[in-house]
Protein backbone atom coordinates (compact mmCIF):
# COMPACT_ATOMS: atom_id res chain seq x y z
CA CYS A 1 3.83 -8.89 5.30
CA LEU A 2 5.73 -10.81 5.74
CA GLY A 3 8.48 -12.50 7.68
CA SER A 4 8.15 -16.03 6.93
CA ALA A 5 4.84 -15.96 5.07
CA ARG A 6 3.15 -13.65 2.47
CA LEU A 7 0.95 -11.37 3.50
CA VAL A 8 -2.00 -9.77 0.85
CA PHE A 9 -3.87 -7.08 1.26
CA ASP A 10 -7.80 -6.51 1.24
CA LEU A 11 -9.36 -4.68 -1.59
CA LEU A 12 -8.78 -0.75 -1.66
CA ALA A 13 -6.43 -1.36 1.24
CA VAL A 14 -3.30 -1.99 -0.79
CA PRO A 15 0.07 -0.15 -0.23
CA VAL A 16 1.43 1.10 -3.29
CA TRP A 17 4.47 -1.07 -3.71
CA LEU A 18 2.38 -4.45 -3.25
CA SER A 19 0.60 -3.88 -6.50
CA LEU A 20 3.55 -5.69 -7.96
CA ARG A 21 1.87 -8.69 -6.59
CA ARG A 22 -1.10 -8.32 -8.53
CA PRO A 23 -1.55 -11.15 -11.04
CA ARG A 24 -1.22 -9.92 -14.41
CA SER A 25 -2.52 -11.67 -18.09
CA SER A 26 -0.63 -11.92 -21.22
CA PRO A 27 -2.65 -12.04 -24.20
CA ARG A 28 -2.76 -15.81 -24.86
CA LEU A 29 -2.62 -17.31 -21.37
CA PHE A 30 -5.32 -15.47 -20.20
CA HIS A 31 -7.61 -15.18 -23.15
CA VAL A 32 -11.18 -14.23 -22.53
CA PRO A 33 -13.37 -15.60 -25.46
CA TYR A 34 -16.23 -13.41 -24.58
CA SER A 35 -16.68 -9.63 -23.99
CA CYS A 36 -16.23 -7.97 -20.77
CA SER A 37 -16.59 -4.46 -19.41
CA ILE A 38 -14.33 -2.73 -16.52
CA ALA A 39 -16.88 -1.49 -14.25
CA THR A 40 -16.53 0.47 -11.12
CA PRO A 41 -14.02 -0.71 -8.37
CA THR A 42 -15.53 -2.78 -5.99
CA ARG A 43 -16.20 -1.34 -2.92
CA TRP A 44 -14.66 -2.53 0.56
CA PRO A 45 -17.00 -4.94 2.23
CA PRO A 46 -19.14 -3.71 4.82
CA ARG A 47 -17.77 -4.17 8.36
CA ARG A 48 -18.90 -7.17 10.25
CA ALA A 49 -19.10 -7.59 14.02
CA PHE A 50 -18.71 -10.64 16.27
CA SER A 51 -19.54 -10.61 19.63
CA ILE A 52 -17.79 -12.98 22.08
CA MET A 53 -21.32 -13.93 23.74
CA ALA A 54 -22.66 -14.81 20.34
CA HIS A 55 -19.96 -16.51 18.41
CA LEU A 56 -17.19 -19.09 18.84
CA ARG A 57 -13.94 -17.39 20.21
CA SER A 58 -12.42 -18.78 17.23
CA ASP A 59 -13.88 -16.32 14.88
CA LEU A 60 -11.78 -13.69 16.91
CA PHE A 61 -8.45 -15.40 15.57
CA GLU A 62 -9.77 -16.13 11.94
CA TYR A 63 -10.04 -13.82 8.89
CA THR A 64 -13.72 -13.88 8.23
CA SER A 65 -14.25 -10.92 5.76
CA GLY A 66 -13.35 -12.45 2.52
CA ARG A 67 -11.68 -15.48 0.75
CA TRP A 68 -9.19 -16.00 -2.00
CA ILE A 69 -9.76 -17.65 -5.34
CA PHE A 70 -6.22 -18.98 -5.10
CA ASN A 71 -3.82 -19.91 -2.01
CA ASP A 72 -6.94 -19.32 0.09
CA ASP A 73 -5.59 -21.64 2.82
CA LEU A 74 -2.34 -19.93 2.99
CA ARG A 75 -3.86 -16.39 2.93
CA HIS A 76 -5.96 -17.52 6.06
CA ALA A 77 -2.89 -19.09 7.67
CA GLU A 78 -1.24 -15.79 7.52
CA ARG A 79 -4.13 -14.10 9.20
CA ARG A 80 -4.69 -16.37 11.79
CA ARG A 81 -3.59 -15.05 15.33
CA ILE A 82 -4.48 -16.87 18.48
CA PHE A 83 -4.26 -14.88 21.81
CA ASN A 84 -5.50 -14.90 25.19
CA VAL A 85 -9.10 -12.94 25.03
CA ASP A 86 -9.40 -12.53 28.84
CA GLN A 87 -6.31 -11.22 29.48
CA LEU A 88 -6.48 -8.73 26.43
CA SER A 89 -9.67 -7.83 27.78
CA ARG A 90 -8.16 -7.13 31.29
CA LEU A 91 -4.97 -5.19 29.59
CA ALA A 92 -7.51 -3.07 27.69
CA ALA A 93 -9.74 -2.36 30.88
CA GLU A 94 -6.54 -1.27 32.81
CA SER A 95 -5.28 1.07 30.09
CA VAL A 96 -8.18 3.22 30.82
CA ASN A 97 -8.42 2.64 34.45
CA ARG A 98 -11.19 0.00 34.45
CA SER A 99 -11.77 -3.36 35.68
CA LEU A 100 -12.20 -6.50 33.34
CA ASP A 101 -15.73 -6.47 35.04
CA ASP A 102 -16.37 -3.13 33.37
CA ILE A 103 -16.08 -4.71 29.88
CA VAL A 104 -19.65 -5.78 28.77
CA GLY A 105 -18.99 -6.43 25.00
CA LEU A 106 -16.00 -7.29 22.56
CA GLU A 107 -16.58 -7.72 18.89
CA LYS A 108 -14.53 -7.78 15.75
CA LEU A 109 -14.76 -4.53 13.91
CA ALA A 110 -12.48 -4.41 10.96
CA GLU A 111 -9.82 -6.78 9.23
CA GLY A 112 -7.37 -5.00 7.30
CA GLY A 113 -4.24 -5.91 5.64
CA PHE A 114 -1.98 -5.97 8.68
CA ASN A 115 -4.32 -5.95 11.44
CA ARG A 116 -7.26 -7.26 13.16
CA THR A 117 -9.31 -4.61 14.97
CA PHE A 118 -11.53 -5.23 17.86
CA LEU A 119 -14.36 -2.77 19.27
CA ILE A 120 -14.48 -3.21 23.10
CA THR A 121 -17.64 -1.70 25.05
CA MET A 122 -17.79 -0.94 28.67
CA ARG A 123 -20.36 -0.28 30.97
CA GLY A 124 -21.67 3.51 30.52
CA GLY A 125 -21.18 3.29 27.06
CA PHE A 126 -17.67 3.86 26.79
CA GLN A 127 -15.98 2.42 23.55
CA MET A 128 -12.34 1.74 22.77
CA VAL A 129 -10.67 -0.09 19.64
CA ALA A 130 -8.03 -3.04 20.29
CA ARG A 131 -5.71 -3.80 17.29
CA ILE A 132 -3.76 -6.54 16.78
CA PRO A 133 -1.25 -7.29 14.05
CA TYR A 134 -1.34 -10.38 12.19
CA PRO A 135 1.60 -12.77 12.69
CA ALA A 136 3.11 -12.11 9.27
CA THR A 137 3.04 -8.39 9.48
CA VAL A 138 6.60 -6.92 9.80
CA PRO A 139 8.94 -5.51 10.83
CA LYS A 140 8.44 -7.36 14.43
CA TYR A 141 8.47 -4.77 17.12
CA PHE A 142 9.19 -1.75 15.07
CA ALA A 143 5.80 -1.67 13.24
CA VAL A 144 3.97 -1.32 16.44
CA ALA A 145 6.73 0.84 18.33
CA SER A 146 6.74 3.12 15.44
CA GLU A 147 3.08 3.38 14.73
CA VAL A 148 2.07 4.49 18.58
CA ALA A 149 5.00 7.07 18.42
CA THR A 150 3.96 8.54 15.14
CA MET A 151 0.28 9.04 16.20
CA ALA A 152 1.35 10.39 19.71
CA LEU A 153 3.61 13.29 17.89
CA LEU A 154 1.10 14.03 14.91
CA ARG A 155 -1.45 14.24 17.79
CA SER A 156 0.21 16.89 19.58
CA PHE A 157 0.60 18.91 16.71
CA GLY A 158 -3.54 19.31 16.73
CA LEU A 159 -3.89 16.50 13.79
CA PRO A 160 -7.28 14.37 14.52
CA ILE A 161 -5.41 11.43 15.39
CA PRO A 162 -6.95 8.76 17.75
CA ASP A 163 -5.63 8.99 21.34
CA VAL A 164 -3.19 5.62 22.21
CA TYR A 165 -4.16 4.34 25.84
CA GLY A 166 -1.84 1.51 25.63
CA TYR A 167 0.31 -0.79 23.53
CA SER A 168 2.75 -3.61 23.32
CA PRO A 169 5.40 -3.98 20.45
CA ALA A 170 6.16 -7.45 21.61
CA THR A 171 4.30 -10.50 22.50
CA ASN A 172 5.79 -11.30 25.93
CA ASN A 173 2.57 -10.17 27.70
CA ALA A 174 -0.38 -12.29 29.10
CA ALA A 175 -2.23 -11.61 26.50
CA GLY A 176 0.36 -13.47 23.78
CA THR A 177 0.21 -10.80 21.29
CA GLU A 178 1.32 -7.39 20.00
CA TYR A 179 -1.41 -5.03 20.55
CA ILE A 180 -2.39 -1.20 20.35
CA PHE A 181 -5.44 0.05 22.47
CA MET A 182 -6.56 3.52 21.05
CA GLU A 183 -9.62 5.63 21.12
CA PHE A 184 -12.73 4.73 18.98
CA VAL A 185 -13.56 7.74 16.79
CA GLN A 186 -17.24 8.49 16.51
CA GLY A 187 -18.02 9.11 12.93
CA THR A 188 -18.59 7.40 9.22
CA ASN A 189 -15.73 5.80 7.37
CA LEU A 190 -15.47 7.92 4.20
CA SER A 191 -15.19 4.86 2.11
CA ASP A 192 -18.79 4.01 3.14
CA ILE A 193 -20.06 7.25 1.38
CA TRP A 194 -17.23 7.95 -0.86
CA PHE A 195 -19.20 6.98 -4.43
CA ASP A 196 -22.29 9.11 -3.20
CA LEU A 197 -20.29 12.50 -2.52
CA GLY A 198 -21.37 15.42 -4.81
CA GLU A 199 -19.08 18.09 -5.81
CA ARG A 200 -19.60 20.30 -2.69
CA GLU A 201 -18.74 17.46 -0.51
CA ILE A 202 -15.40 16.63 -2.69
CA ILE A 203 -14.06 20.02 -2.34
CA SER A 204 -14.51 20.15 1.15
CA ILE A 205 -12.72 16.89 1.91
CA SER A 206 -9.97 17.81 -0.53
CA ARG A 207 -9.54 21.22 1.25
CA GLN A 208 -9.48 19.47 4.69
CA LEU A 209 -7.19 17.05 3.57
CA ALA A 210 -4.76 19.74 1.86
CA GLU A 211 -4.68 21.51 5.26
CA LEU A 212 -4.12 18.64 7.29
CA GLU A 213 -1.15 17.68 4.89
CA SER A 214 0.31 20.98 5.14
CA LYS A 215 0.29 20.89 8.79
CA MET A 216 2.13 17.38 9.03
CA MET A 217 4.51 18.20 6.41
CA SER A 218 5.38 21.20 8.04
CA ILE A 219 6.72 19.28 11.04
CA ALA A 220 10.66 19.40 10.52
CA PHE A 221 12.71 16.51 11.37
CA PRO A 222 16.41 15.99 11.75
CA ALA A 223 17.02 12.67 9.87
CA GLY A 224 14.87 10.37 7.77
CA GLY A 225 13.48 6.86 8.91
CA SER A 226 10.75 6.10 11.30
CA LEU A 227 9.47 7.70 14.39
CA TYR A 228 9.96 6.04 17.85
CA TYR A 229 9.71 6.58 21.45
CA THR A 230 13.27 6.82 22.41
CA GLU A 231 12.62 4.40 25.50
CA ASP A 232 11.32 1.88 22.96
CA LEU A 233 14.18 1.88 20.58
CA GLU A 234 16.45 1.53 23.88
CA ASN A 235 14.42 -1.46 25.11
CA VAL A 236 15.54 -3.35 21.79
CA GLY A 237 19.29 -2.48 22.45
CA ARG A 238 20.00 1.06 20.65
CA SER A 239 23.38 -0.06 19.00
CA ALA A 240 24.88 0.49 15.68
CA SER A 241 22.18 -1.83 14.35
CA TRP A 242 19.38 0.11 15.62
CA PRO A 243 20.54 3.86 16.08
CA GLY A 244 18.19 6.76 16.96
CA ILE A 245 18.48 10.19 16.47
CA THR A 246 16.54 12.36 19.02
CA LEU A 247 14.14 15.01 18.32
CA GLU A 248 13.82 18.34 20.23
CA ASP A 249 11.18 16.48 22.23
CA LYS A 250 13.59 13.93 23.98
CA ARG A 251 10.57 11.54 24.24
CA PHE A 252 10.84 10.86 20.34
CA CYS A 253 13.78 9.87 18.07
CA VAL A 254 13.99 9.00 14.50
CA GLY A 255 15.07 5.44 13.99
CA PRO A 256 14.98 2.34 11.59
CA ASP A 257 12.85 2.82 8.43
CA THR A 258 9.78 0.50 8.61
CA SER A 259 9.15 0.48 5.12
CA LEU A 260 8.06 -2.84 4.03
CA PRO A 261 10.45 -3.66 1.13
CA LEU A 262 13.10 -3.14 3.58
CA TRP A 263 11.94 -5.99 5.81
CA TYR A 264 10.14 -8.24 3.17
CA GLY A 265 10.50 -12.32 3.51
CA ARG A 266 14.22 -13.07 4.21
CA ARG A 267 15.60 -9.47 3.67
CA SER A 268 14.31 -9.29 7.71
CA GLN A 269 17.11 -11.44 8.21
CA LEU A 270 19.76 -9.41 6.59
CA GLU A 271 21.91 -7.05 8.70
CA LEU A 272 21.58 -3.79 6.80
CA ASP A 273 21.66 -0.12 7.33
CA ARG A 274 17.86 0.77 7.27
CA GLY A 275 18.48 4.42 8.92
CA PRO A 276 17.98 6.60 10.15
CA TYR A 277 19.10 8.53 7.01
CA GLU A 278 20.93 11.75 7.47
CA SER A 279 20.78 12.70 4.01
CA ALA A 280 18.43 12.22 0.85
CA GLU A 281 21.15 10.50 -1.11
CA ALA A 282 21.42 7.94 1.79
CA VAL A 283 17.44 7.50 1.30
CA LEU A 284 17.76 7.00 -2.40
CA VAL A 285 20.57 4.42 -2.05
CA ARG A 286 19.25 2.15 1.01
CA GLY A 287 16.45 0.28 -0.57
CA ALA A 288 18.58 -0.79 -3.90
CA GLU A 289 21.68 -1.78 -1.51
CA LYS A 290 19.01 -3.87 0.54
CA GLU A 291 18.10 -5.68 -2.59
CA LEU A 292 21.61 -6.24 -3.90
CA ALA A 293 22.38 -7.79 -0.79
CA TYR A 294 19.58 -10.08 -0.84
CA LEU A 295 19.92 -10.84 -4.36
CA ARG A 296 23.54 -11.70 -3.55
CA ARG A 297 22.73 -14.06 -0.54
CA PHE A 298 19.54 -15.55 -1.67
CA GLY A 299 18.77 -14.73 -5.45
CA ARG A 300 18.49 -17.65 -7.82
CA PRO A 301 16.74 -17.99 -11.40
CA LEU A 302 12.98 -17.35 -10.94
CA LEU A 303 9.81 -17.55 -13.14
CA PRO A 304 8.08 -14.19 -12.66
CA PHE A 305 5.65 -14.37 -9.74
CA GLN A 306 3.28 -12.76 -12.06
CA ARG A 307 2.20 -16.12 -13.61
CA VAL A 308 0.23 -14.33 -16.31
CA ARG A 309 3.28 -12.67 -17.47
CA ARG A 310 5.33 -15.63 -17.99
CA GLU A 311 4.36 -16.23 -21.44
CA VAL A 312 6.07 -13.05 -22.55
CA TYR A 313 9.32 -14.52 -20.97
CA LYS A 314 8.61 -17.88 -22.98
CA TYR A 315 8.22 -19.88 -19.45
CA GLN A 316 11.98 -19.20 -19.12
CA LYS A 317 13.46 -18.52 -15.67
CA GLN A 318 15.02 -14.91 -15.28
CA LEU A 319 18.42 -14.42 -13.69
CA PRO A 320 19.09 -12.22 -11.01
CA SER A 321 22.27 -11.15 -12.45
CA ASP A 322 19.83 -8.88 -14.57
CA HIS A 323 18.22 -7.31 -11.69
CA ILE A 324 21.71 -6.55 -10.09
CA GLU A 325 22.87 -4.99 -13.39
CA ASN A 326 19.98 -2.40 -13.50
CA LEU A 327 20.22 -1.90 -9.49
CA GLU A 328 23.98 -1.21 -10.01
CA ARG A 329 23.00 1.23 -12.91
CA TYR A 330 20.59 2.98 -10.42
CA LEU A 331 23.17 3.42 -7.96
CA ARG A 332 25.35 5.10 -10.26
CA ILE A 333 22.88 7.77 -11.10
CA ALA A 334 21.26 8.18 -7.46
CA SER A 335 23.22 11.14 -6.16
CA SER A 336 22.14 13.35 -9.41
CA LEU A 337 18.43 12.86 -8.67
CA ILE A 338 18.28 14.95 -5.69
CA PRO A 339 16.46 18.26 -6.70
CA ARG A 340 18.36 21.43 -6.72
CA ASP A 341 15.78 23.33 -4.62
CA PRO A 342 16.97 22.44 -0.82
CA ALA A 343 13.48 22.85 0.49
CA LEU A 344 12.41 19.51 -1.48
CA GLY A 345 15.29 17.64 0.23
CA HIS A 346 13.98 18.56 3.99
CA PHE A 347 12.83 15.37 5.87
CA ARG A 348 8.77 15.49 6.37
CA ILE A 349 6.25 13.09 7.15
CA ARG A 350 2.87 12.15 5.33
CA HIS A 351 0.33 9.44 6.10
CA PRO A 352 1.48 6.41 4.18
CA ASP A 353 -1.77 5.41 2.54
CA LEU A 354 -4.11 8.14 2.75
CA GLN A 355 -7.09 6.72 1.29
CA PRO A 356 -10.97 7.03 2.18
CA ASN A 357 -10.92 3.78 4.42
CA ASN A 358 -8.41 5.52 6.84
CA ILE A 359 -10.42 8.88 6.75
CA ILE A 360 -13.24 9.13 9.47
CA VAL A 361 -15.72 12.06 9.05
CA SER A 362 -18.72 13.45 10.91
CA ARG A 363 -21.70 15.79 9.76
CA SER A 364 -21.78 19.05 11.35
CA ARG A 365 -24.58 20.75 12.79
CA ASP A 366 -24.84 22.48 9.13
CA SER A 367 -24.39 19.05 7.38
CA ASN A 368 -21.09 19.54 6.28
CA LEU A 369 -18.68 16.94 6.23
CA GLN A 370 -15.76 16.97 8.80
CA VAL A 371 -12.74 15.02 8.84
CA VAL A 372 -12.61 14.08 12.63
CA GLY A 373 -9.97 11.11 12.29
CA LEU A 374 -7.22 9.70 10.21
CA ILE A 375 -6.12 6.15 11.27
CA ASP A 376 -3.53 3.47 10.06
CA TRP A 377 -0.08 4.95 10.60
CA GLN A 378 1.53 1.45 10.41
CA HIS A 379 4.67 1.68 8.30
CA THR A 380 4.88 5.66 8.08
CA SER A 381 8.31 6.95 6.96
CA ILE A 382 9.86 10.08 7.34
CA LEU A 383 11.86 11.09 4.01
CA PRO A 384 12.75 13.94 1.72
CA LEU A 385 9.79 16.19 0.36
CA PHE A 386 10.60 14.96 -2.88
CA LEU A 387 10.27 11.37 -2.64
CA LEU A 388 6.81 11.80 -0.23
CA ALA A 389 5.03 13.94 -2.93
CA GLY A 390 2.09 12.93 -5.16
CA ILE A 391 -1.47 12.26 -5.26
CA PRO A 392 -2.66 9.37 -2.84
CA GLN A 393 -3.23 6.15 -4.77
CA GLN A 394 -7.19 6.00 -4.34
CA LEU A 395 -7.42 9.90 -5.14
CA HIS A 396 -5.74 10.41 -8.36
CA ASN A 397 -6.79 9.99 -11.95
CA TYR A 398 -3.18 10.12 -13.70
CA ASP A 399 -4.26 8.09 -16.69
CA ASP A 400 -7.09 9.96 -17.85
CA THR A 401 -6.26 12.80 -20.67
CA GLY A 402 -9.00 14.97 -18.84
CA SER A 403 -7.31 15.02 -15.65
CA GLN A 404 -3.73 15.54 -17.22
CA SER A 405 -5.16 18.87 -18.56
CA MET A 406 -6.25 19.92 -15.28
CA LYS A 407 -9.32 21.92 -16.71
CA ARG A 408 -12.26 21.81 -14.32
CA PRO A 409 -14.53 18.73 -14.82
CA SER A 410 -17.72 18.73 -16.49
CA LEU A 411 -20.30 16.13 -17.71
CA PRO A 412 -21.00 15.43 -21.28
CA GLU A 413 -23.41 18.02 -22.78
CA LYS A 414 -25.69 14.91 -24.20
CA LEU A 415 -25.36 12.85 -21.31
CA ASP A 416 -29.20 12.05 -21.50
CA ASN A 417 -29.03 10.51 -24.77
CA LEU A 418 -26.72 8.10 -23.69
CA ASP A 419 -28.06 4.54 -22.23
CA GLU A 420 -28.07 3.61 -18.51
CA ILE A 421 -24.69 1.86 -18.54
CA GLN A 422 -22.96 4.66 -20.67
CA GLN A 423 -24.21 7.17 -18.17
CA SER A 424 -23.09 5.37 -15.33
CA GLY A 425 -19.43 5.18 -16.81
CA GLU A 426 -19.54 9.24 -17.50
CA MET A 427 -20.73 9.68 -13.90
CA GLU A 428 -17.83 7.60 -12.56
CA LEU A 429 -15.18 9.15 -14.80
CA TYR A 430 -16.47 12.70 -13.79
CA ARG A 431 -16.30 11.77 -9.89
CA ARG A 432 -12.78 10.59 -10.38
CA ARG A 433 -11.64 13.81 -12.42
CA LEU A 434 -13.48 16.08 -9.56
CA VAL A 435 -11.41 14.27 -7.07
CA HIS A 436 -8.03 14.46 -8.73
CA TYR A 437 -8.98 18.04 -9.80
CA HIS A 438 -9.94 19.28 -6.25
CA TYR A 439 -7.19 17.56 -4.49
CA ILE A 440 -4.31 19.26 -6.56
CA LYS A 441 -6.35 22.89 -6.54
CA ASN A 442 -6.53 22.53 -2.79
CA THR A 443 -3.06 21.36 -2.66
CA GLU A 444 -1.83 24.52 -4.56
CA LYS A 445 -3.83 26.86 -2.21
CA TYR A 446 -2.82 25.29 1.18
CA ASN A 447 0.22 23.37 0.69
CA GLU A 448 2.63 25.26 -1.76
CA LEU A 449 5.75 23.29 -1.18
CA HIS A 450 3.91 19.88 -1.61
CA TYR A 451 2.54 21.30 -4.84
CA ALA A 452 5.66 22.13 -5.98
CA ALA A 453 7.16 18.79 -5.47
CA LEU A 454 3.83 17.48 -7.07
CA THR A 455 3.92 19.28 -10.33
CA ASP A 456 7.60 18.69 -11.08
CA PRO A 457 7.65 17.11 -14.41
CA MET A 458 10.22 14.84 -13.70
CA GLY A 459 8.85 14.03 -10.22
CA MET A 460 7.17 10.94 -11.17
CA LEU A 461 9.80 9.41 -12.82
CA LEU A 462 12.42 10.17 -9.88
CA ARG A 463 9.77 8.20 -7.52
CA ARG A 464 9.20 5.72 -9.94
CA LEU A 465 12.88 5.16 -10.12
CA PHE A 466 13.17 5.13 -6.16
CA ARG A 467 10.07 2.69 -5.68
CA HIS A 468 11.34 0.30 -8.42
CA ALA A 469 15.07 0.13 -7.00
CA SER A 470 13.59 -0.86 -3.66
CA ASP A 471 10.98 -3.36 -4.68
CA PRO A 472 11.45 -7.06 -3.96
CA TRP A 473 12.62 -8.75 -6.84
CA GLU A 474 10.34 -11.54 -8.02
CA GLY A 475 11.54 -12.77 -11.48
CA GLU A 476 11.46 -9.47 -13.12
CA THR A 477 13.41 -6.35 -13.46
CA LEU A 478 11.55 -4.41 -16.55
CA ALA A 479 9.81 -1.89 -14.39
CA LEU A 480 13.26 -0.56 -13.08
CA LYS A 481 14.63 -1.08 -16.60
CA VAL A 482 12.44 0.95 -18.61
CA ALA A 483 12.47 3.69 -15.59
CA LEU A 484 16.18 4.01 -16.02
CA ILE A 485 15.69 4.21 -19.84
CA GLN A 486 13.30 7.17 -19.23
CA ALA A 487 16.12 8.71 -16.99
CA THR A 488 18.72 8.46 -19.53
CA LYS A 489 16.50 9.82 -22.20
CA ASN A 490 15.36 12.98 -19.89
CA TRP A 491 18.91 13.06 -18.24
CA LYS A 492 19.05 17.05 -18.51
CA THR A 493 15.53 17.74 -17.41
CA LEU A 494 15.72 15.31 -14.46
CA THR A 495 18.91 16.50 -13.45
CA GLY A 496 18.97 20.15 -14.07
CA GLY A 497 22.18 19.79 -16.00
CA GLY A 498 25.54 18.99 -14.97
CA PRO A 499 27.87 16.22 -16.03
CA PRO A 500 26.38 13.79 -18.59
CA CYS A 501 24.39 10.33 -17.63
CA PRO A 502 26.82 7.65 -16.68
CA ILE A 503 24.79 5.12 -18.00
CA VAL A 504 23.97 4.16 -21.64
CA PHE A 505 21.74 1.62 -23.02
CA ASP A 506 22.29 -0.11 -26.44
CA PRO A 507 19.54 1.12 -28.71
CA ASP A 508 18.59 -2.62 -29.48
CA ASP A 509 18.25 -3.40 -25.90
CA VAL A 510 16.06 -0.26 -25.34
CA ARG A 511 13.64 -1.30 -28.29
CA GLU A 512 13.55 -4.72 -26.93
CA ALA A 513 12.74 -3.64 -23.64
CA MET A 514 9.91 -1.14 -24.65
CA LYS A 515 8.05 -3.74 -26.63
CA LEU A 516 8.29 -6.21 -23.64
CA ASP A 517 6.89 -3.42 -21.85
CA ALA A 518 4.10 -2.66 -24.13
CA GLU A 519 2.98 -6.17 -24.28
CA GLN A 520 2.86 -6.08 -20.66
CA ARG A 521 0.73 -3.04 -20.67
CA GLU A 522 -1.70 -5.18 -23.13
CA ALA A 523 -1.68 -7.82 -20.55
CA ASP A 524 -2.44 -5.72 -17.47
CA GLU A 525 -5.50 -3.75 -19.36
CA SER A 526 -6.71 -7.46 -20.39
CA LEU A 527 -6.52 -8.39 -16.63
CA GLU A 528 -8.42 -5.75 -15.41
CA ALA A 529 -11.56 -6.66 -17.66
CA CYS A 530 -11.03 -10.42 -16.41
CA ARG A 531 -11.05 -9.11 -12.85
CA ASP A 532 -14.41 -7.47 -13.49
CA VAL A 533 -15.90 -10.49 -15.05
CA ILE A 534 -14.84 -12.71 -12.27
CA GLY A 535 -15.24 -10.34 -9.41
CA PHE A 536 -12.36 -10.45 -7.45
CA GLY A 537 -9.58 -8.04 -6.15
CA PRO A 538 -5.81 -8.01 -5.40
CA GLU A 539 -4.57 -11.31 -4.82
CA GLY A 540 -7.76 -13.06 -5.70
CA TRP A 541 -9.57 -11.58 -2.88
CA VAL A 542 -13.65 -11.73 -2.93
CA PRO A 543 -16.16 -10.83 -0.53
CA ALA A 544 -16.77 -14.29 1.69
CA GLU A 545 -20.73 -14.08 0.18
CA HIS A 546 -19.54 -14.25 -3.30
CA TYR A 547 -16.86 -16.99 -3.25
CA GLU A 548 -18.65 -19.79 -4.58
CA GLU A 549 -19.84 -17.64 -7.44
CA ALA A 550 -16.40 -16.05 -8.21
CA MET A 551 -14.95 -19.50 -8.02
CA ALA A 552 -17.52 -21.18 -10.57
CA ARG A 553 -16.33 -18.09 -12.99
CA SER A 554 -12.87 -18.72 -12.43
CA LYS A 555 -13.05 -22.45 -13.14
CA LYS A 556 -15.06 -21.44 -16.18
CA LEU A 557 -12.46 -19.16 -17.57
CA LYS A 558 -9.68 -21.86 -17.32
CA GLU A 559 -11.85 -24.15 -19.24
CA ASP A 560 -12.31 -21.45 -22.12
CA GLY A 561 -8.52 -20.87 -21.62
CA LEU A 562 -7.85 -24.58 -21.88
CA ALA A 563 -10.18 -24.67 -24.80
CA ALA A 564 -8.55 -21.92 -27.01
CA ALA A 565 -5.16 -23.59 -26.71
CA GLU A 566 -3.86 -24.24 -30.49
CA SER A 567 -1.76 -27.26 -29.45
CA GLU A 568 -1.05 -29.89 -26.58
CA GLU A 569 2.36 -27.90 -25.84
CA GLU A 570 0.28 -24.89 -25.45
CA ARG A 571 -2.27 -26.54 -23.21
CA ALA A 572 0.05 -27.92 -21.05
CA GLN A 573 1.51 -24.28 -20.46
CA VAL A 574 -1.61 -22.74 -19.63
CA ALA A 575 -2.62 -25.49 -17.43
CA ALA A 576 1.04 -25.29 -15.59
CA HIS A 577 0.92 -21.64 -15.05
CA TRP A 578 -2.73 -20.79 -14.82
CA PRO A 579 -2.82 -17.53 -12.84
CA LEU A 580 -5.52 -18.40 -10.58
CA ASP A 581 -4.54 -21.91 -9.17
CA ASP A 582 -2.81 -22.41 -6.33
CA MET A 583 0.81 -21.85 -6.25
CA ASP A 584 4.16 -22.47 -3.92
CA GLU A 585 5.02 -18.82 -3.12
CA GLU A 586 7.85 -19.91 -0.78
CA GLU A 587 10.63 -19.24 -3.15
CA TYR A 588 9.79 -15.69 -3.84
CA MET A 589 10.39 -14.67 -0.32
């Protein structure tokens, strides 16, 4: 994201921390006067290719895969990248010892949350990928430099990672843009067949992912942060600001962490220690220290960015001092959060967003699915294992009691007696349970250390504390406060004993916080239903071909919300804070 602009992310391709940006509803402000059901999550839109011979070159510079029902112009501006097509093509050809004349086609392959990718075809059928980051993608230089080094190192350990042919982490080249040229992996994107997999295929994919994660998590690192070629870090002036710790293979080093919260908005302007981290405690505190530095320099009262929550706060701006207080509470307990098992504190690496969209599969001769490519390694962090652990966002089903029990999933005995909609719902629930169950069972078998961290009863709370303490403040502190309250209630289990908890909450304060949390959870559930009625994804994203229909539904929903207002004052508040209208986001940067 984000630099001087706010970057949002395509449906099913959203990094975990940016879910804080999803608009939420409050019971009255986003009231739906008719019933709506929550359906299967919308699938990633089909890839669309654009040939430079058949379309205007401007299509190569613009986002064309979807639109947003609010702040559409801003979202497109964030993703507009103009570059020299001919020079990029020449550089691509030279990266594989070919000439510009060998290129017979360049077409848009995909548009994700941070980058636009192009498929380049040459004479003889050879194909390669060119990937260009959006102007708003941060951190500048480090994001590209770290990704290519990460891919190279992991590929050297035998992981199925595309080969990198060439790259530029800076824009001072003939193409006028950062870029990565890499191998085009032949196969099928797992997301294209994800909802059609049978149990045998789910078991196979889960086993392969567990084995691959075991291989990558077995790689030891001397420090935390992100991975770089030593030469690339030296080229930006290795100093106290940008240090590096060299690996046994001197070509590589661990340098500044590229994790997005550390660089978001004006945070990129701050002189901060972003790594490398030489201890688990350093990792735990840097994100909170970053946010404290940001709030002390830029903090000011803000309405919650998530406009649908503003009614819960009585439309009052929230003080940054409240979040500062909770960050300071977190820092007082951070050193006590490190697990006693030293193995869980070792620095390891893992894919930052292991979801079907980033997995390429191919069918073998016996028709079995084989994982042949893991793509999109941008913003990969090296962290203590206890912070890396967890089921990937698109694979878990934590909120379901059936998955929590870890019993082998089964379909209802009387499935045939249900109507078509009910059967569809049961089949989708069964699929989610299968994915969750087999991921954990295969992790237990093939990646024992990850399984130990994964099944730690306090592991999820610990990771929530870490994540919320590093998240950018956007007018709310409740998530961190609730996690801190839970930490005080589970202190002995969380820390394994030792000194008493150094922070205490007043009982009335706890009751108020939990009441507010319950109201927001109810609002969240309401929004999930409303999103399905309108048909939008994170940040209001919709496929381009569904934009007009979604806008019509959004307009009708607002009209119904205004009509349901019981006073002129309430109607004015609904109109002023309607969550699907355009808004100014600058003050939240």
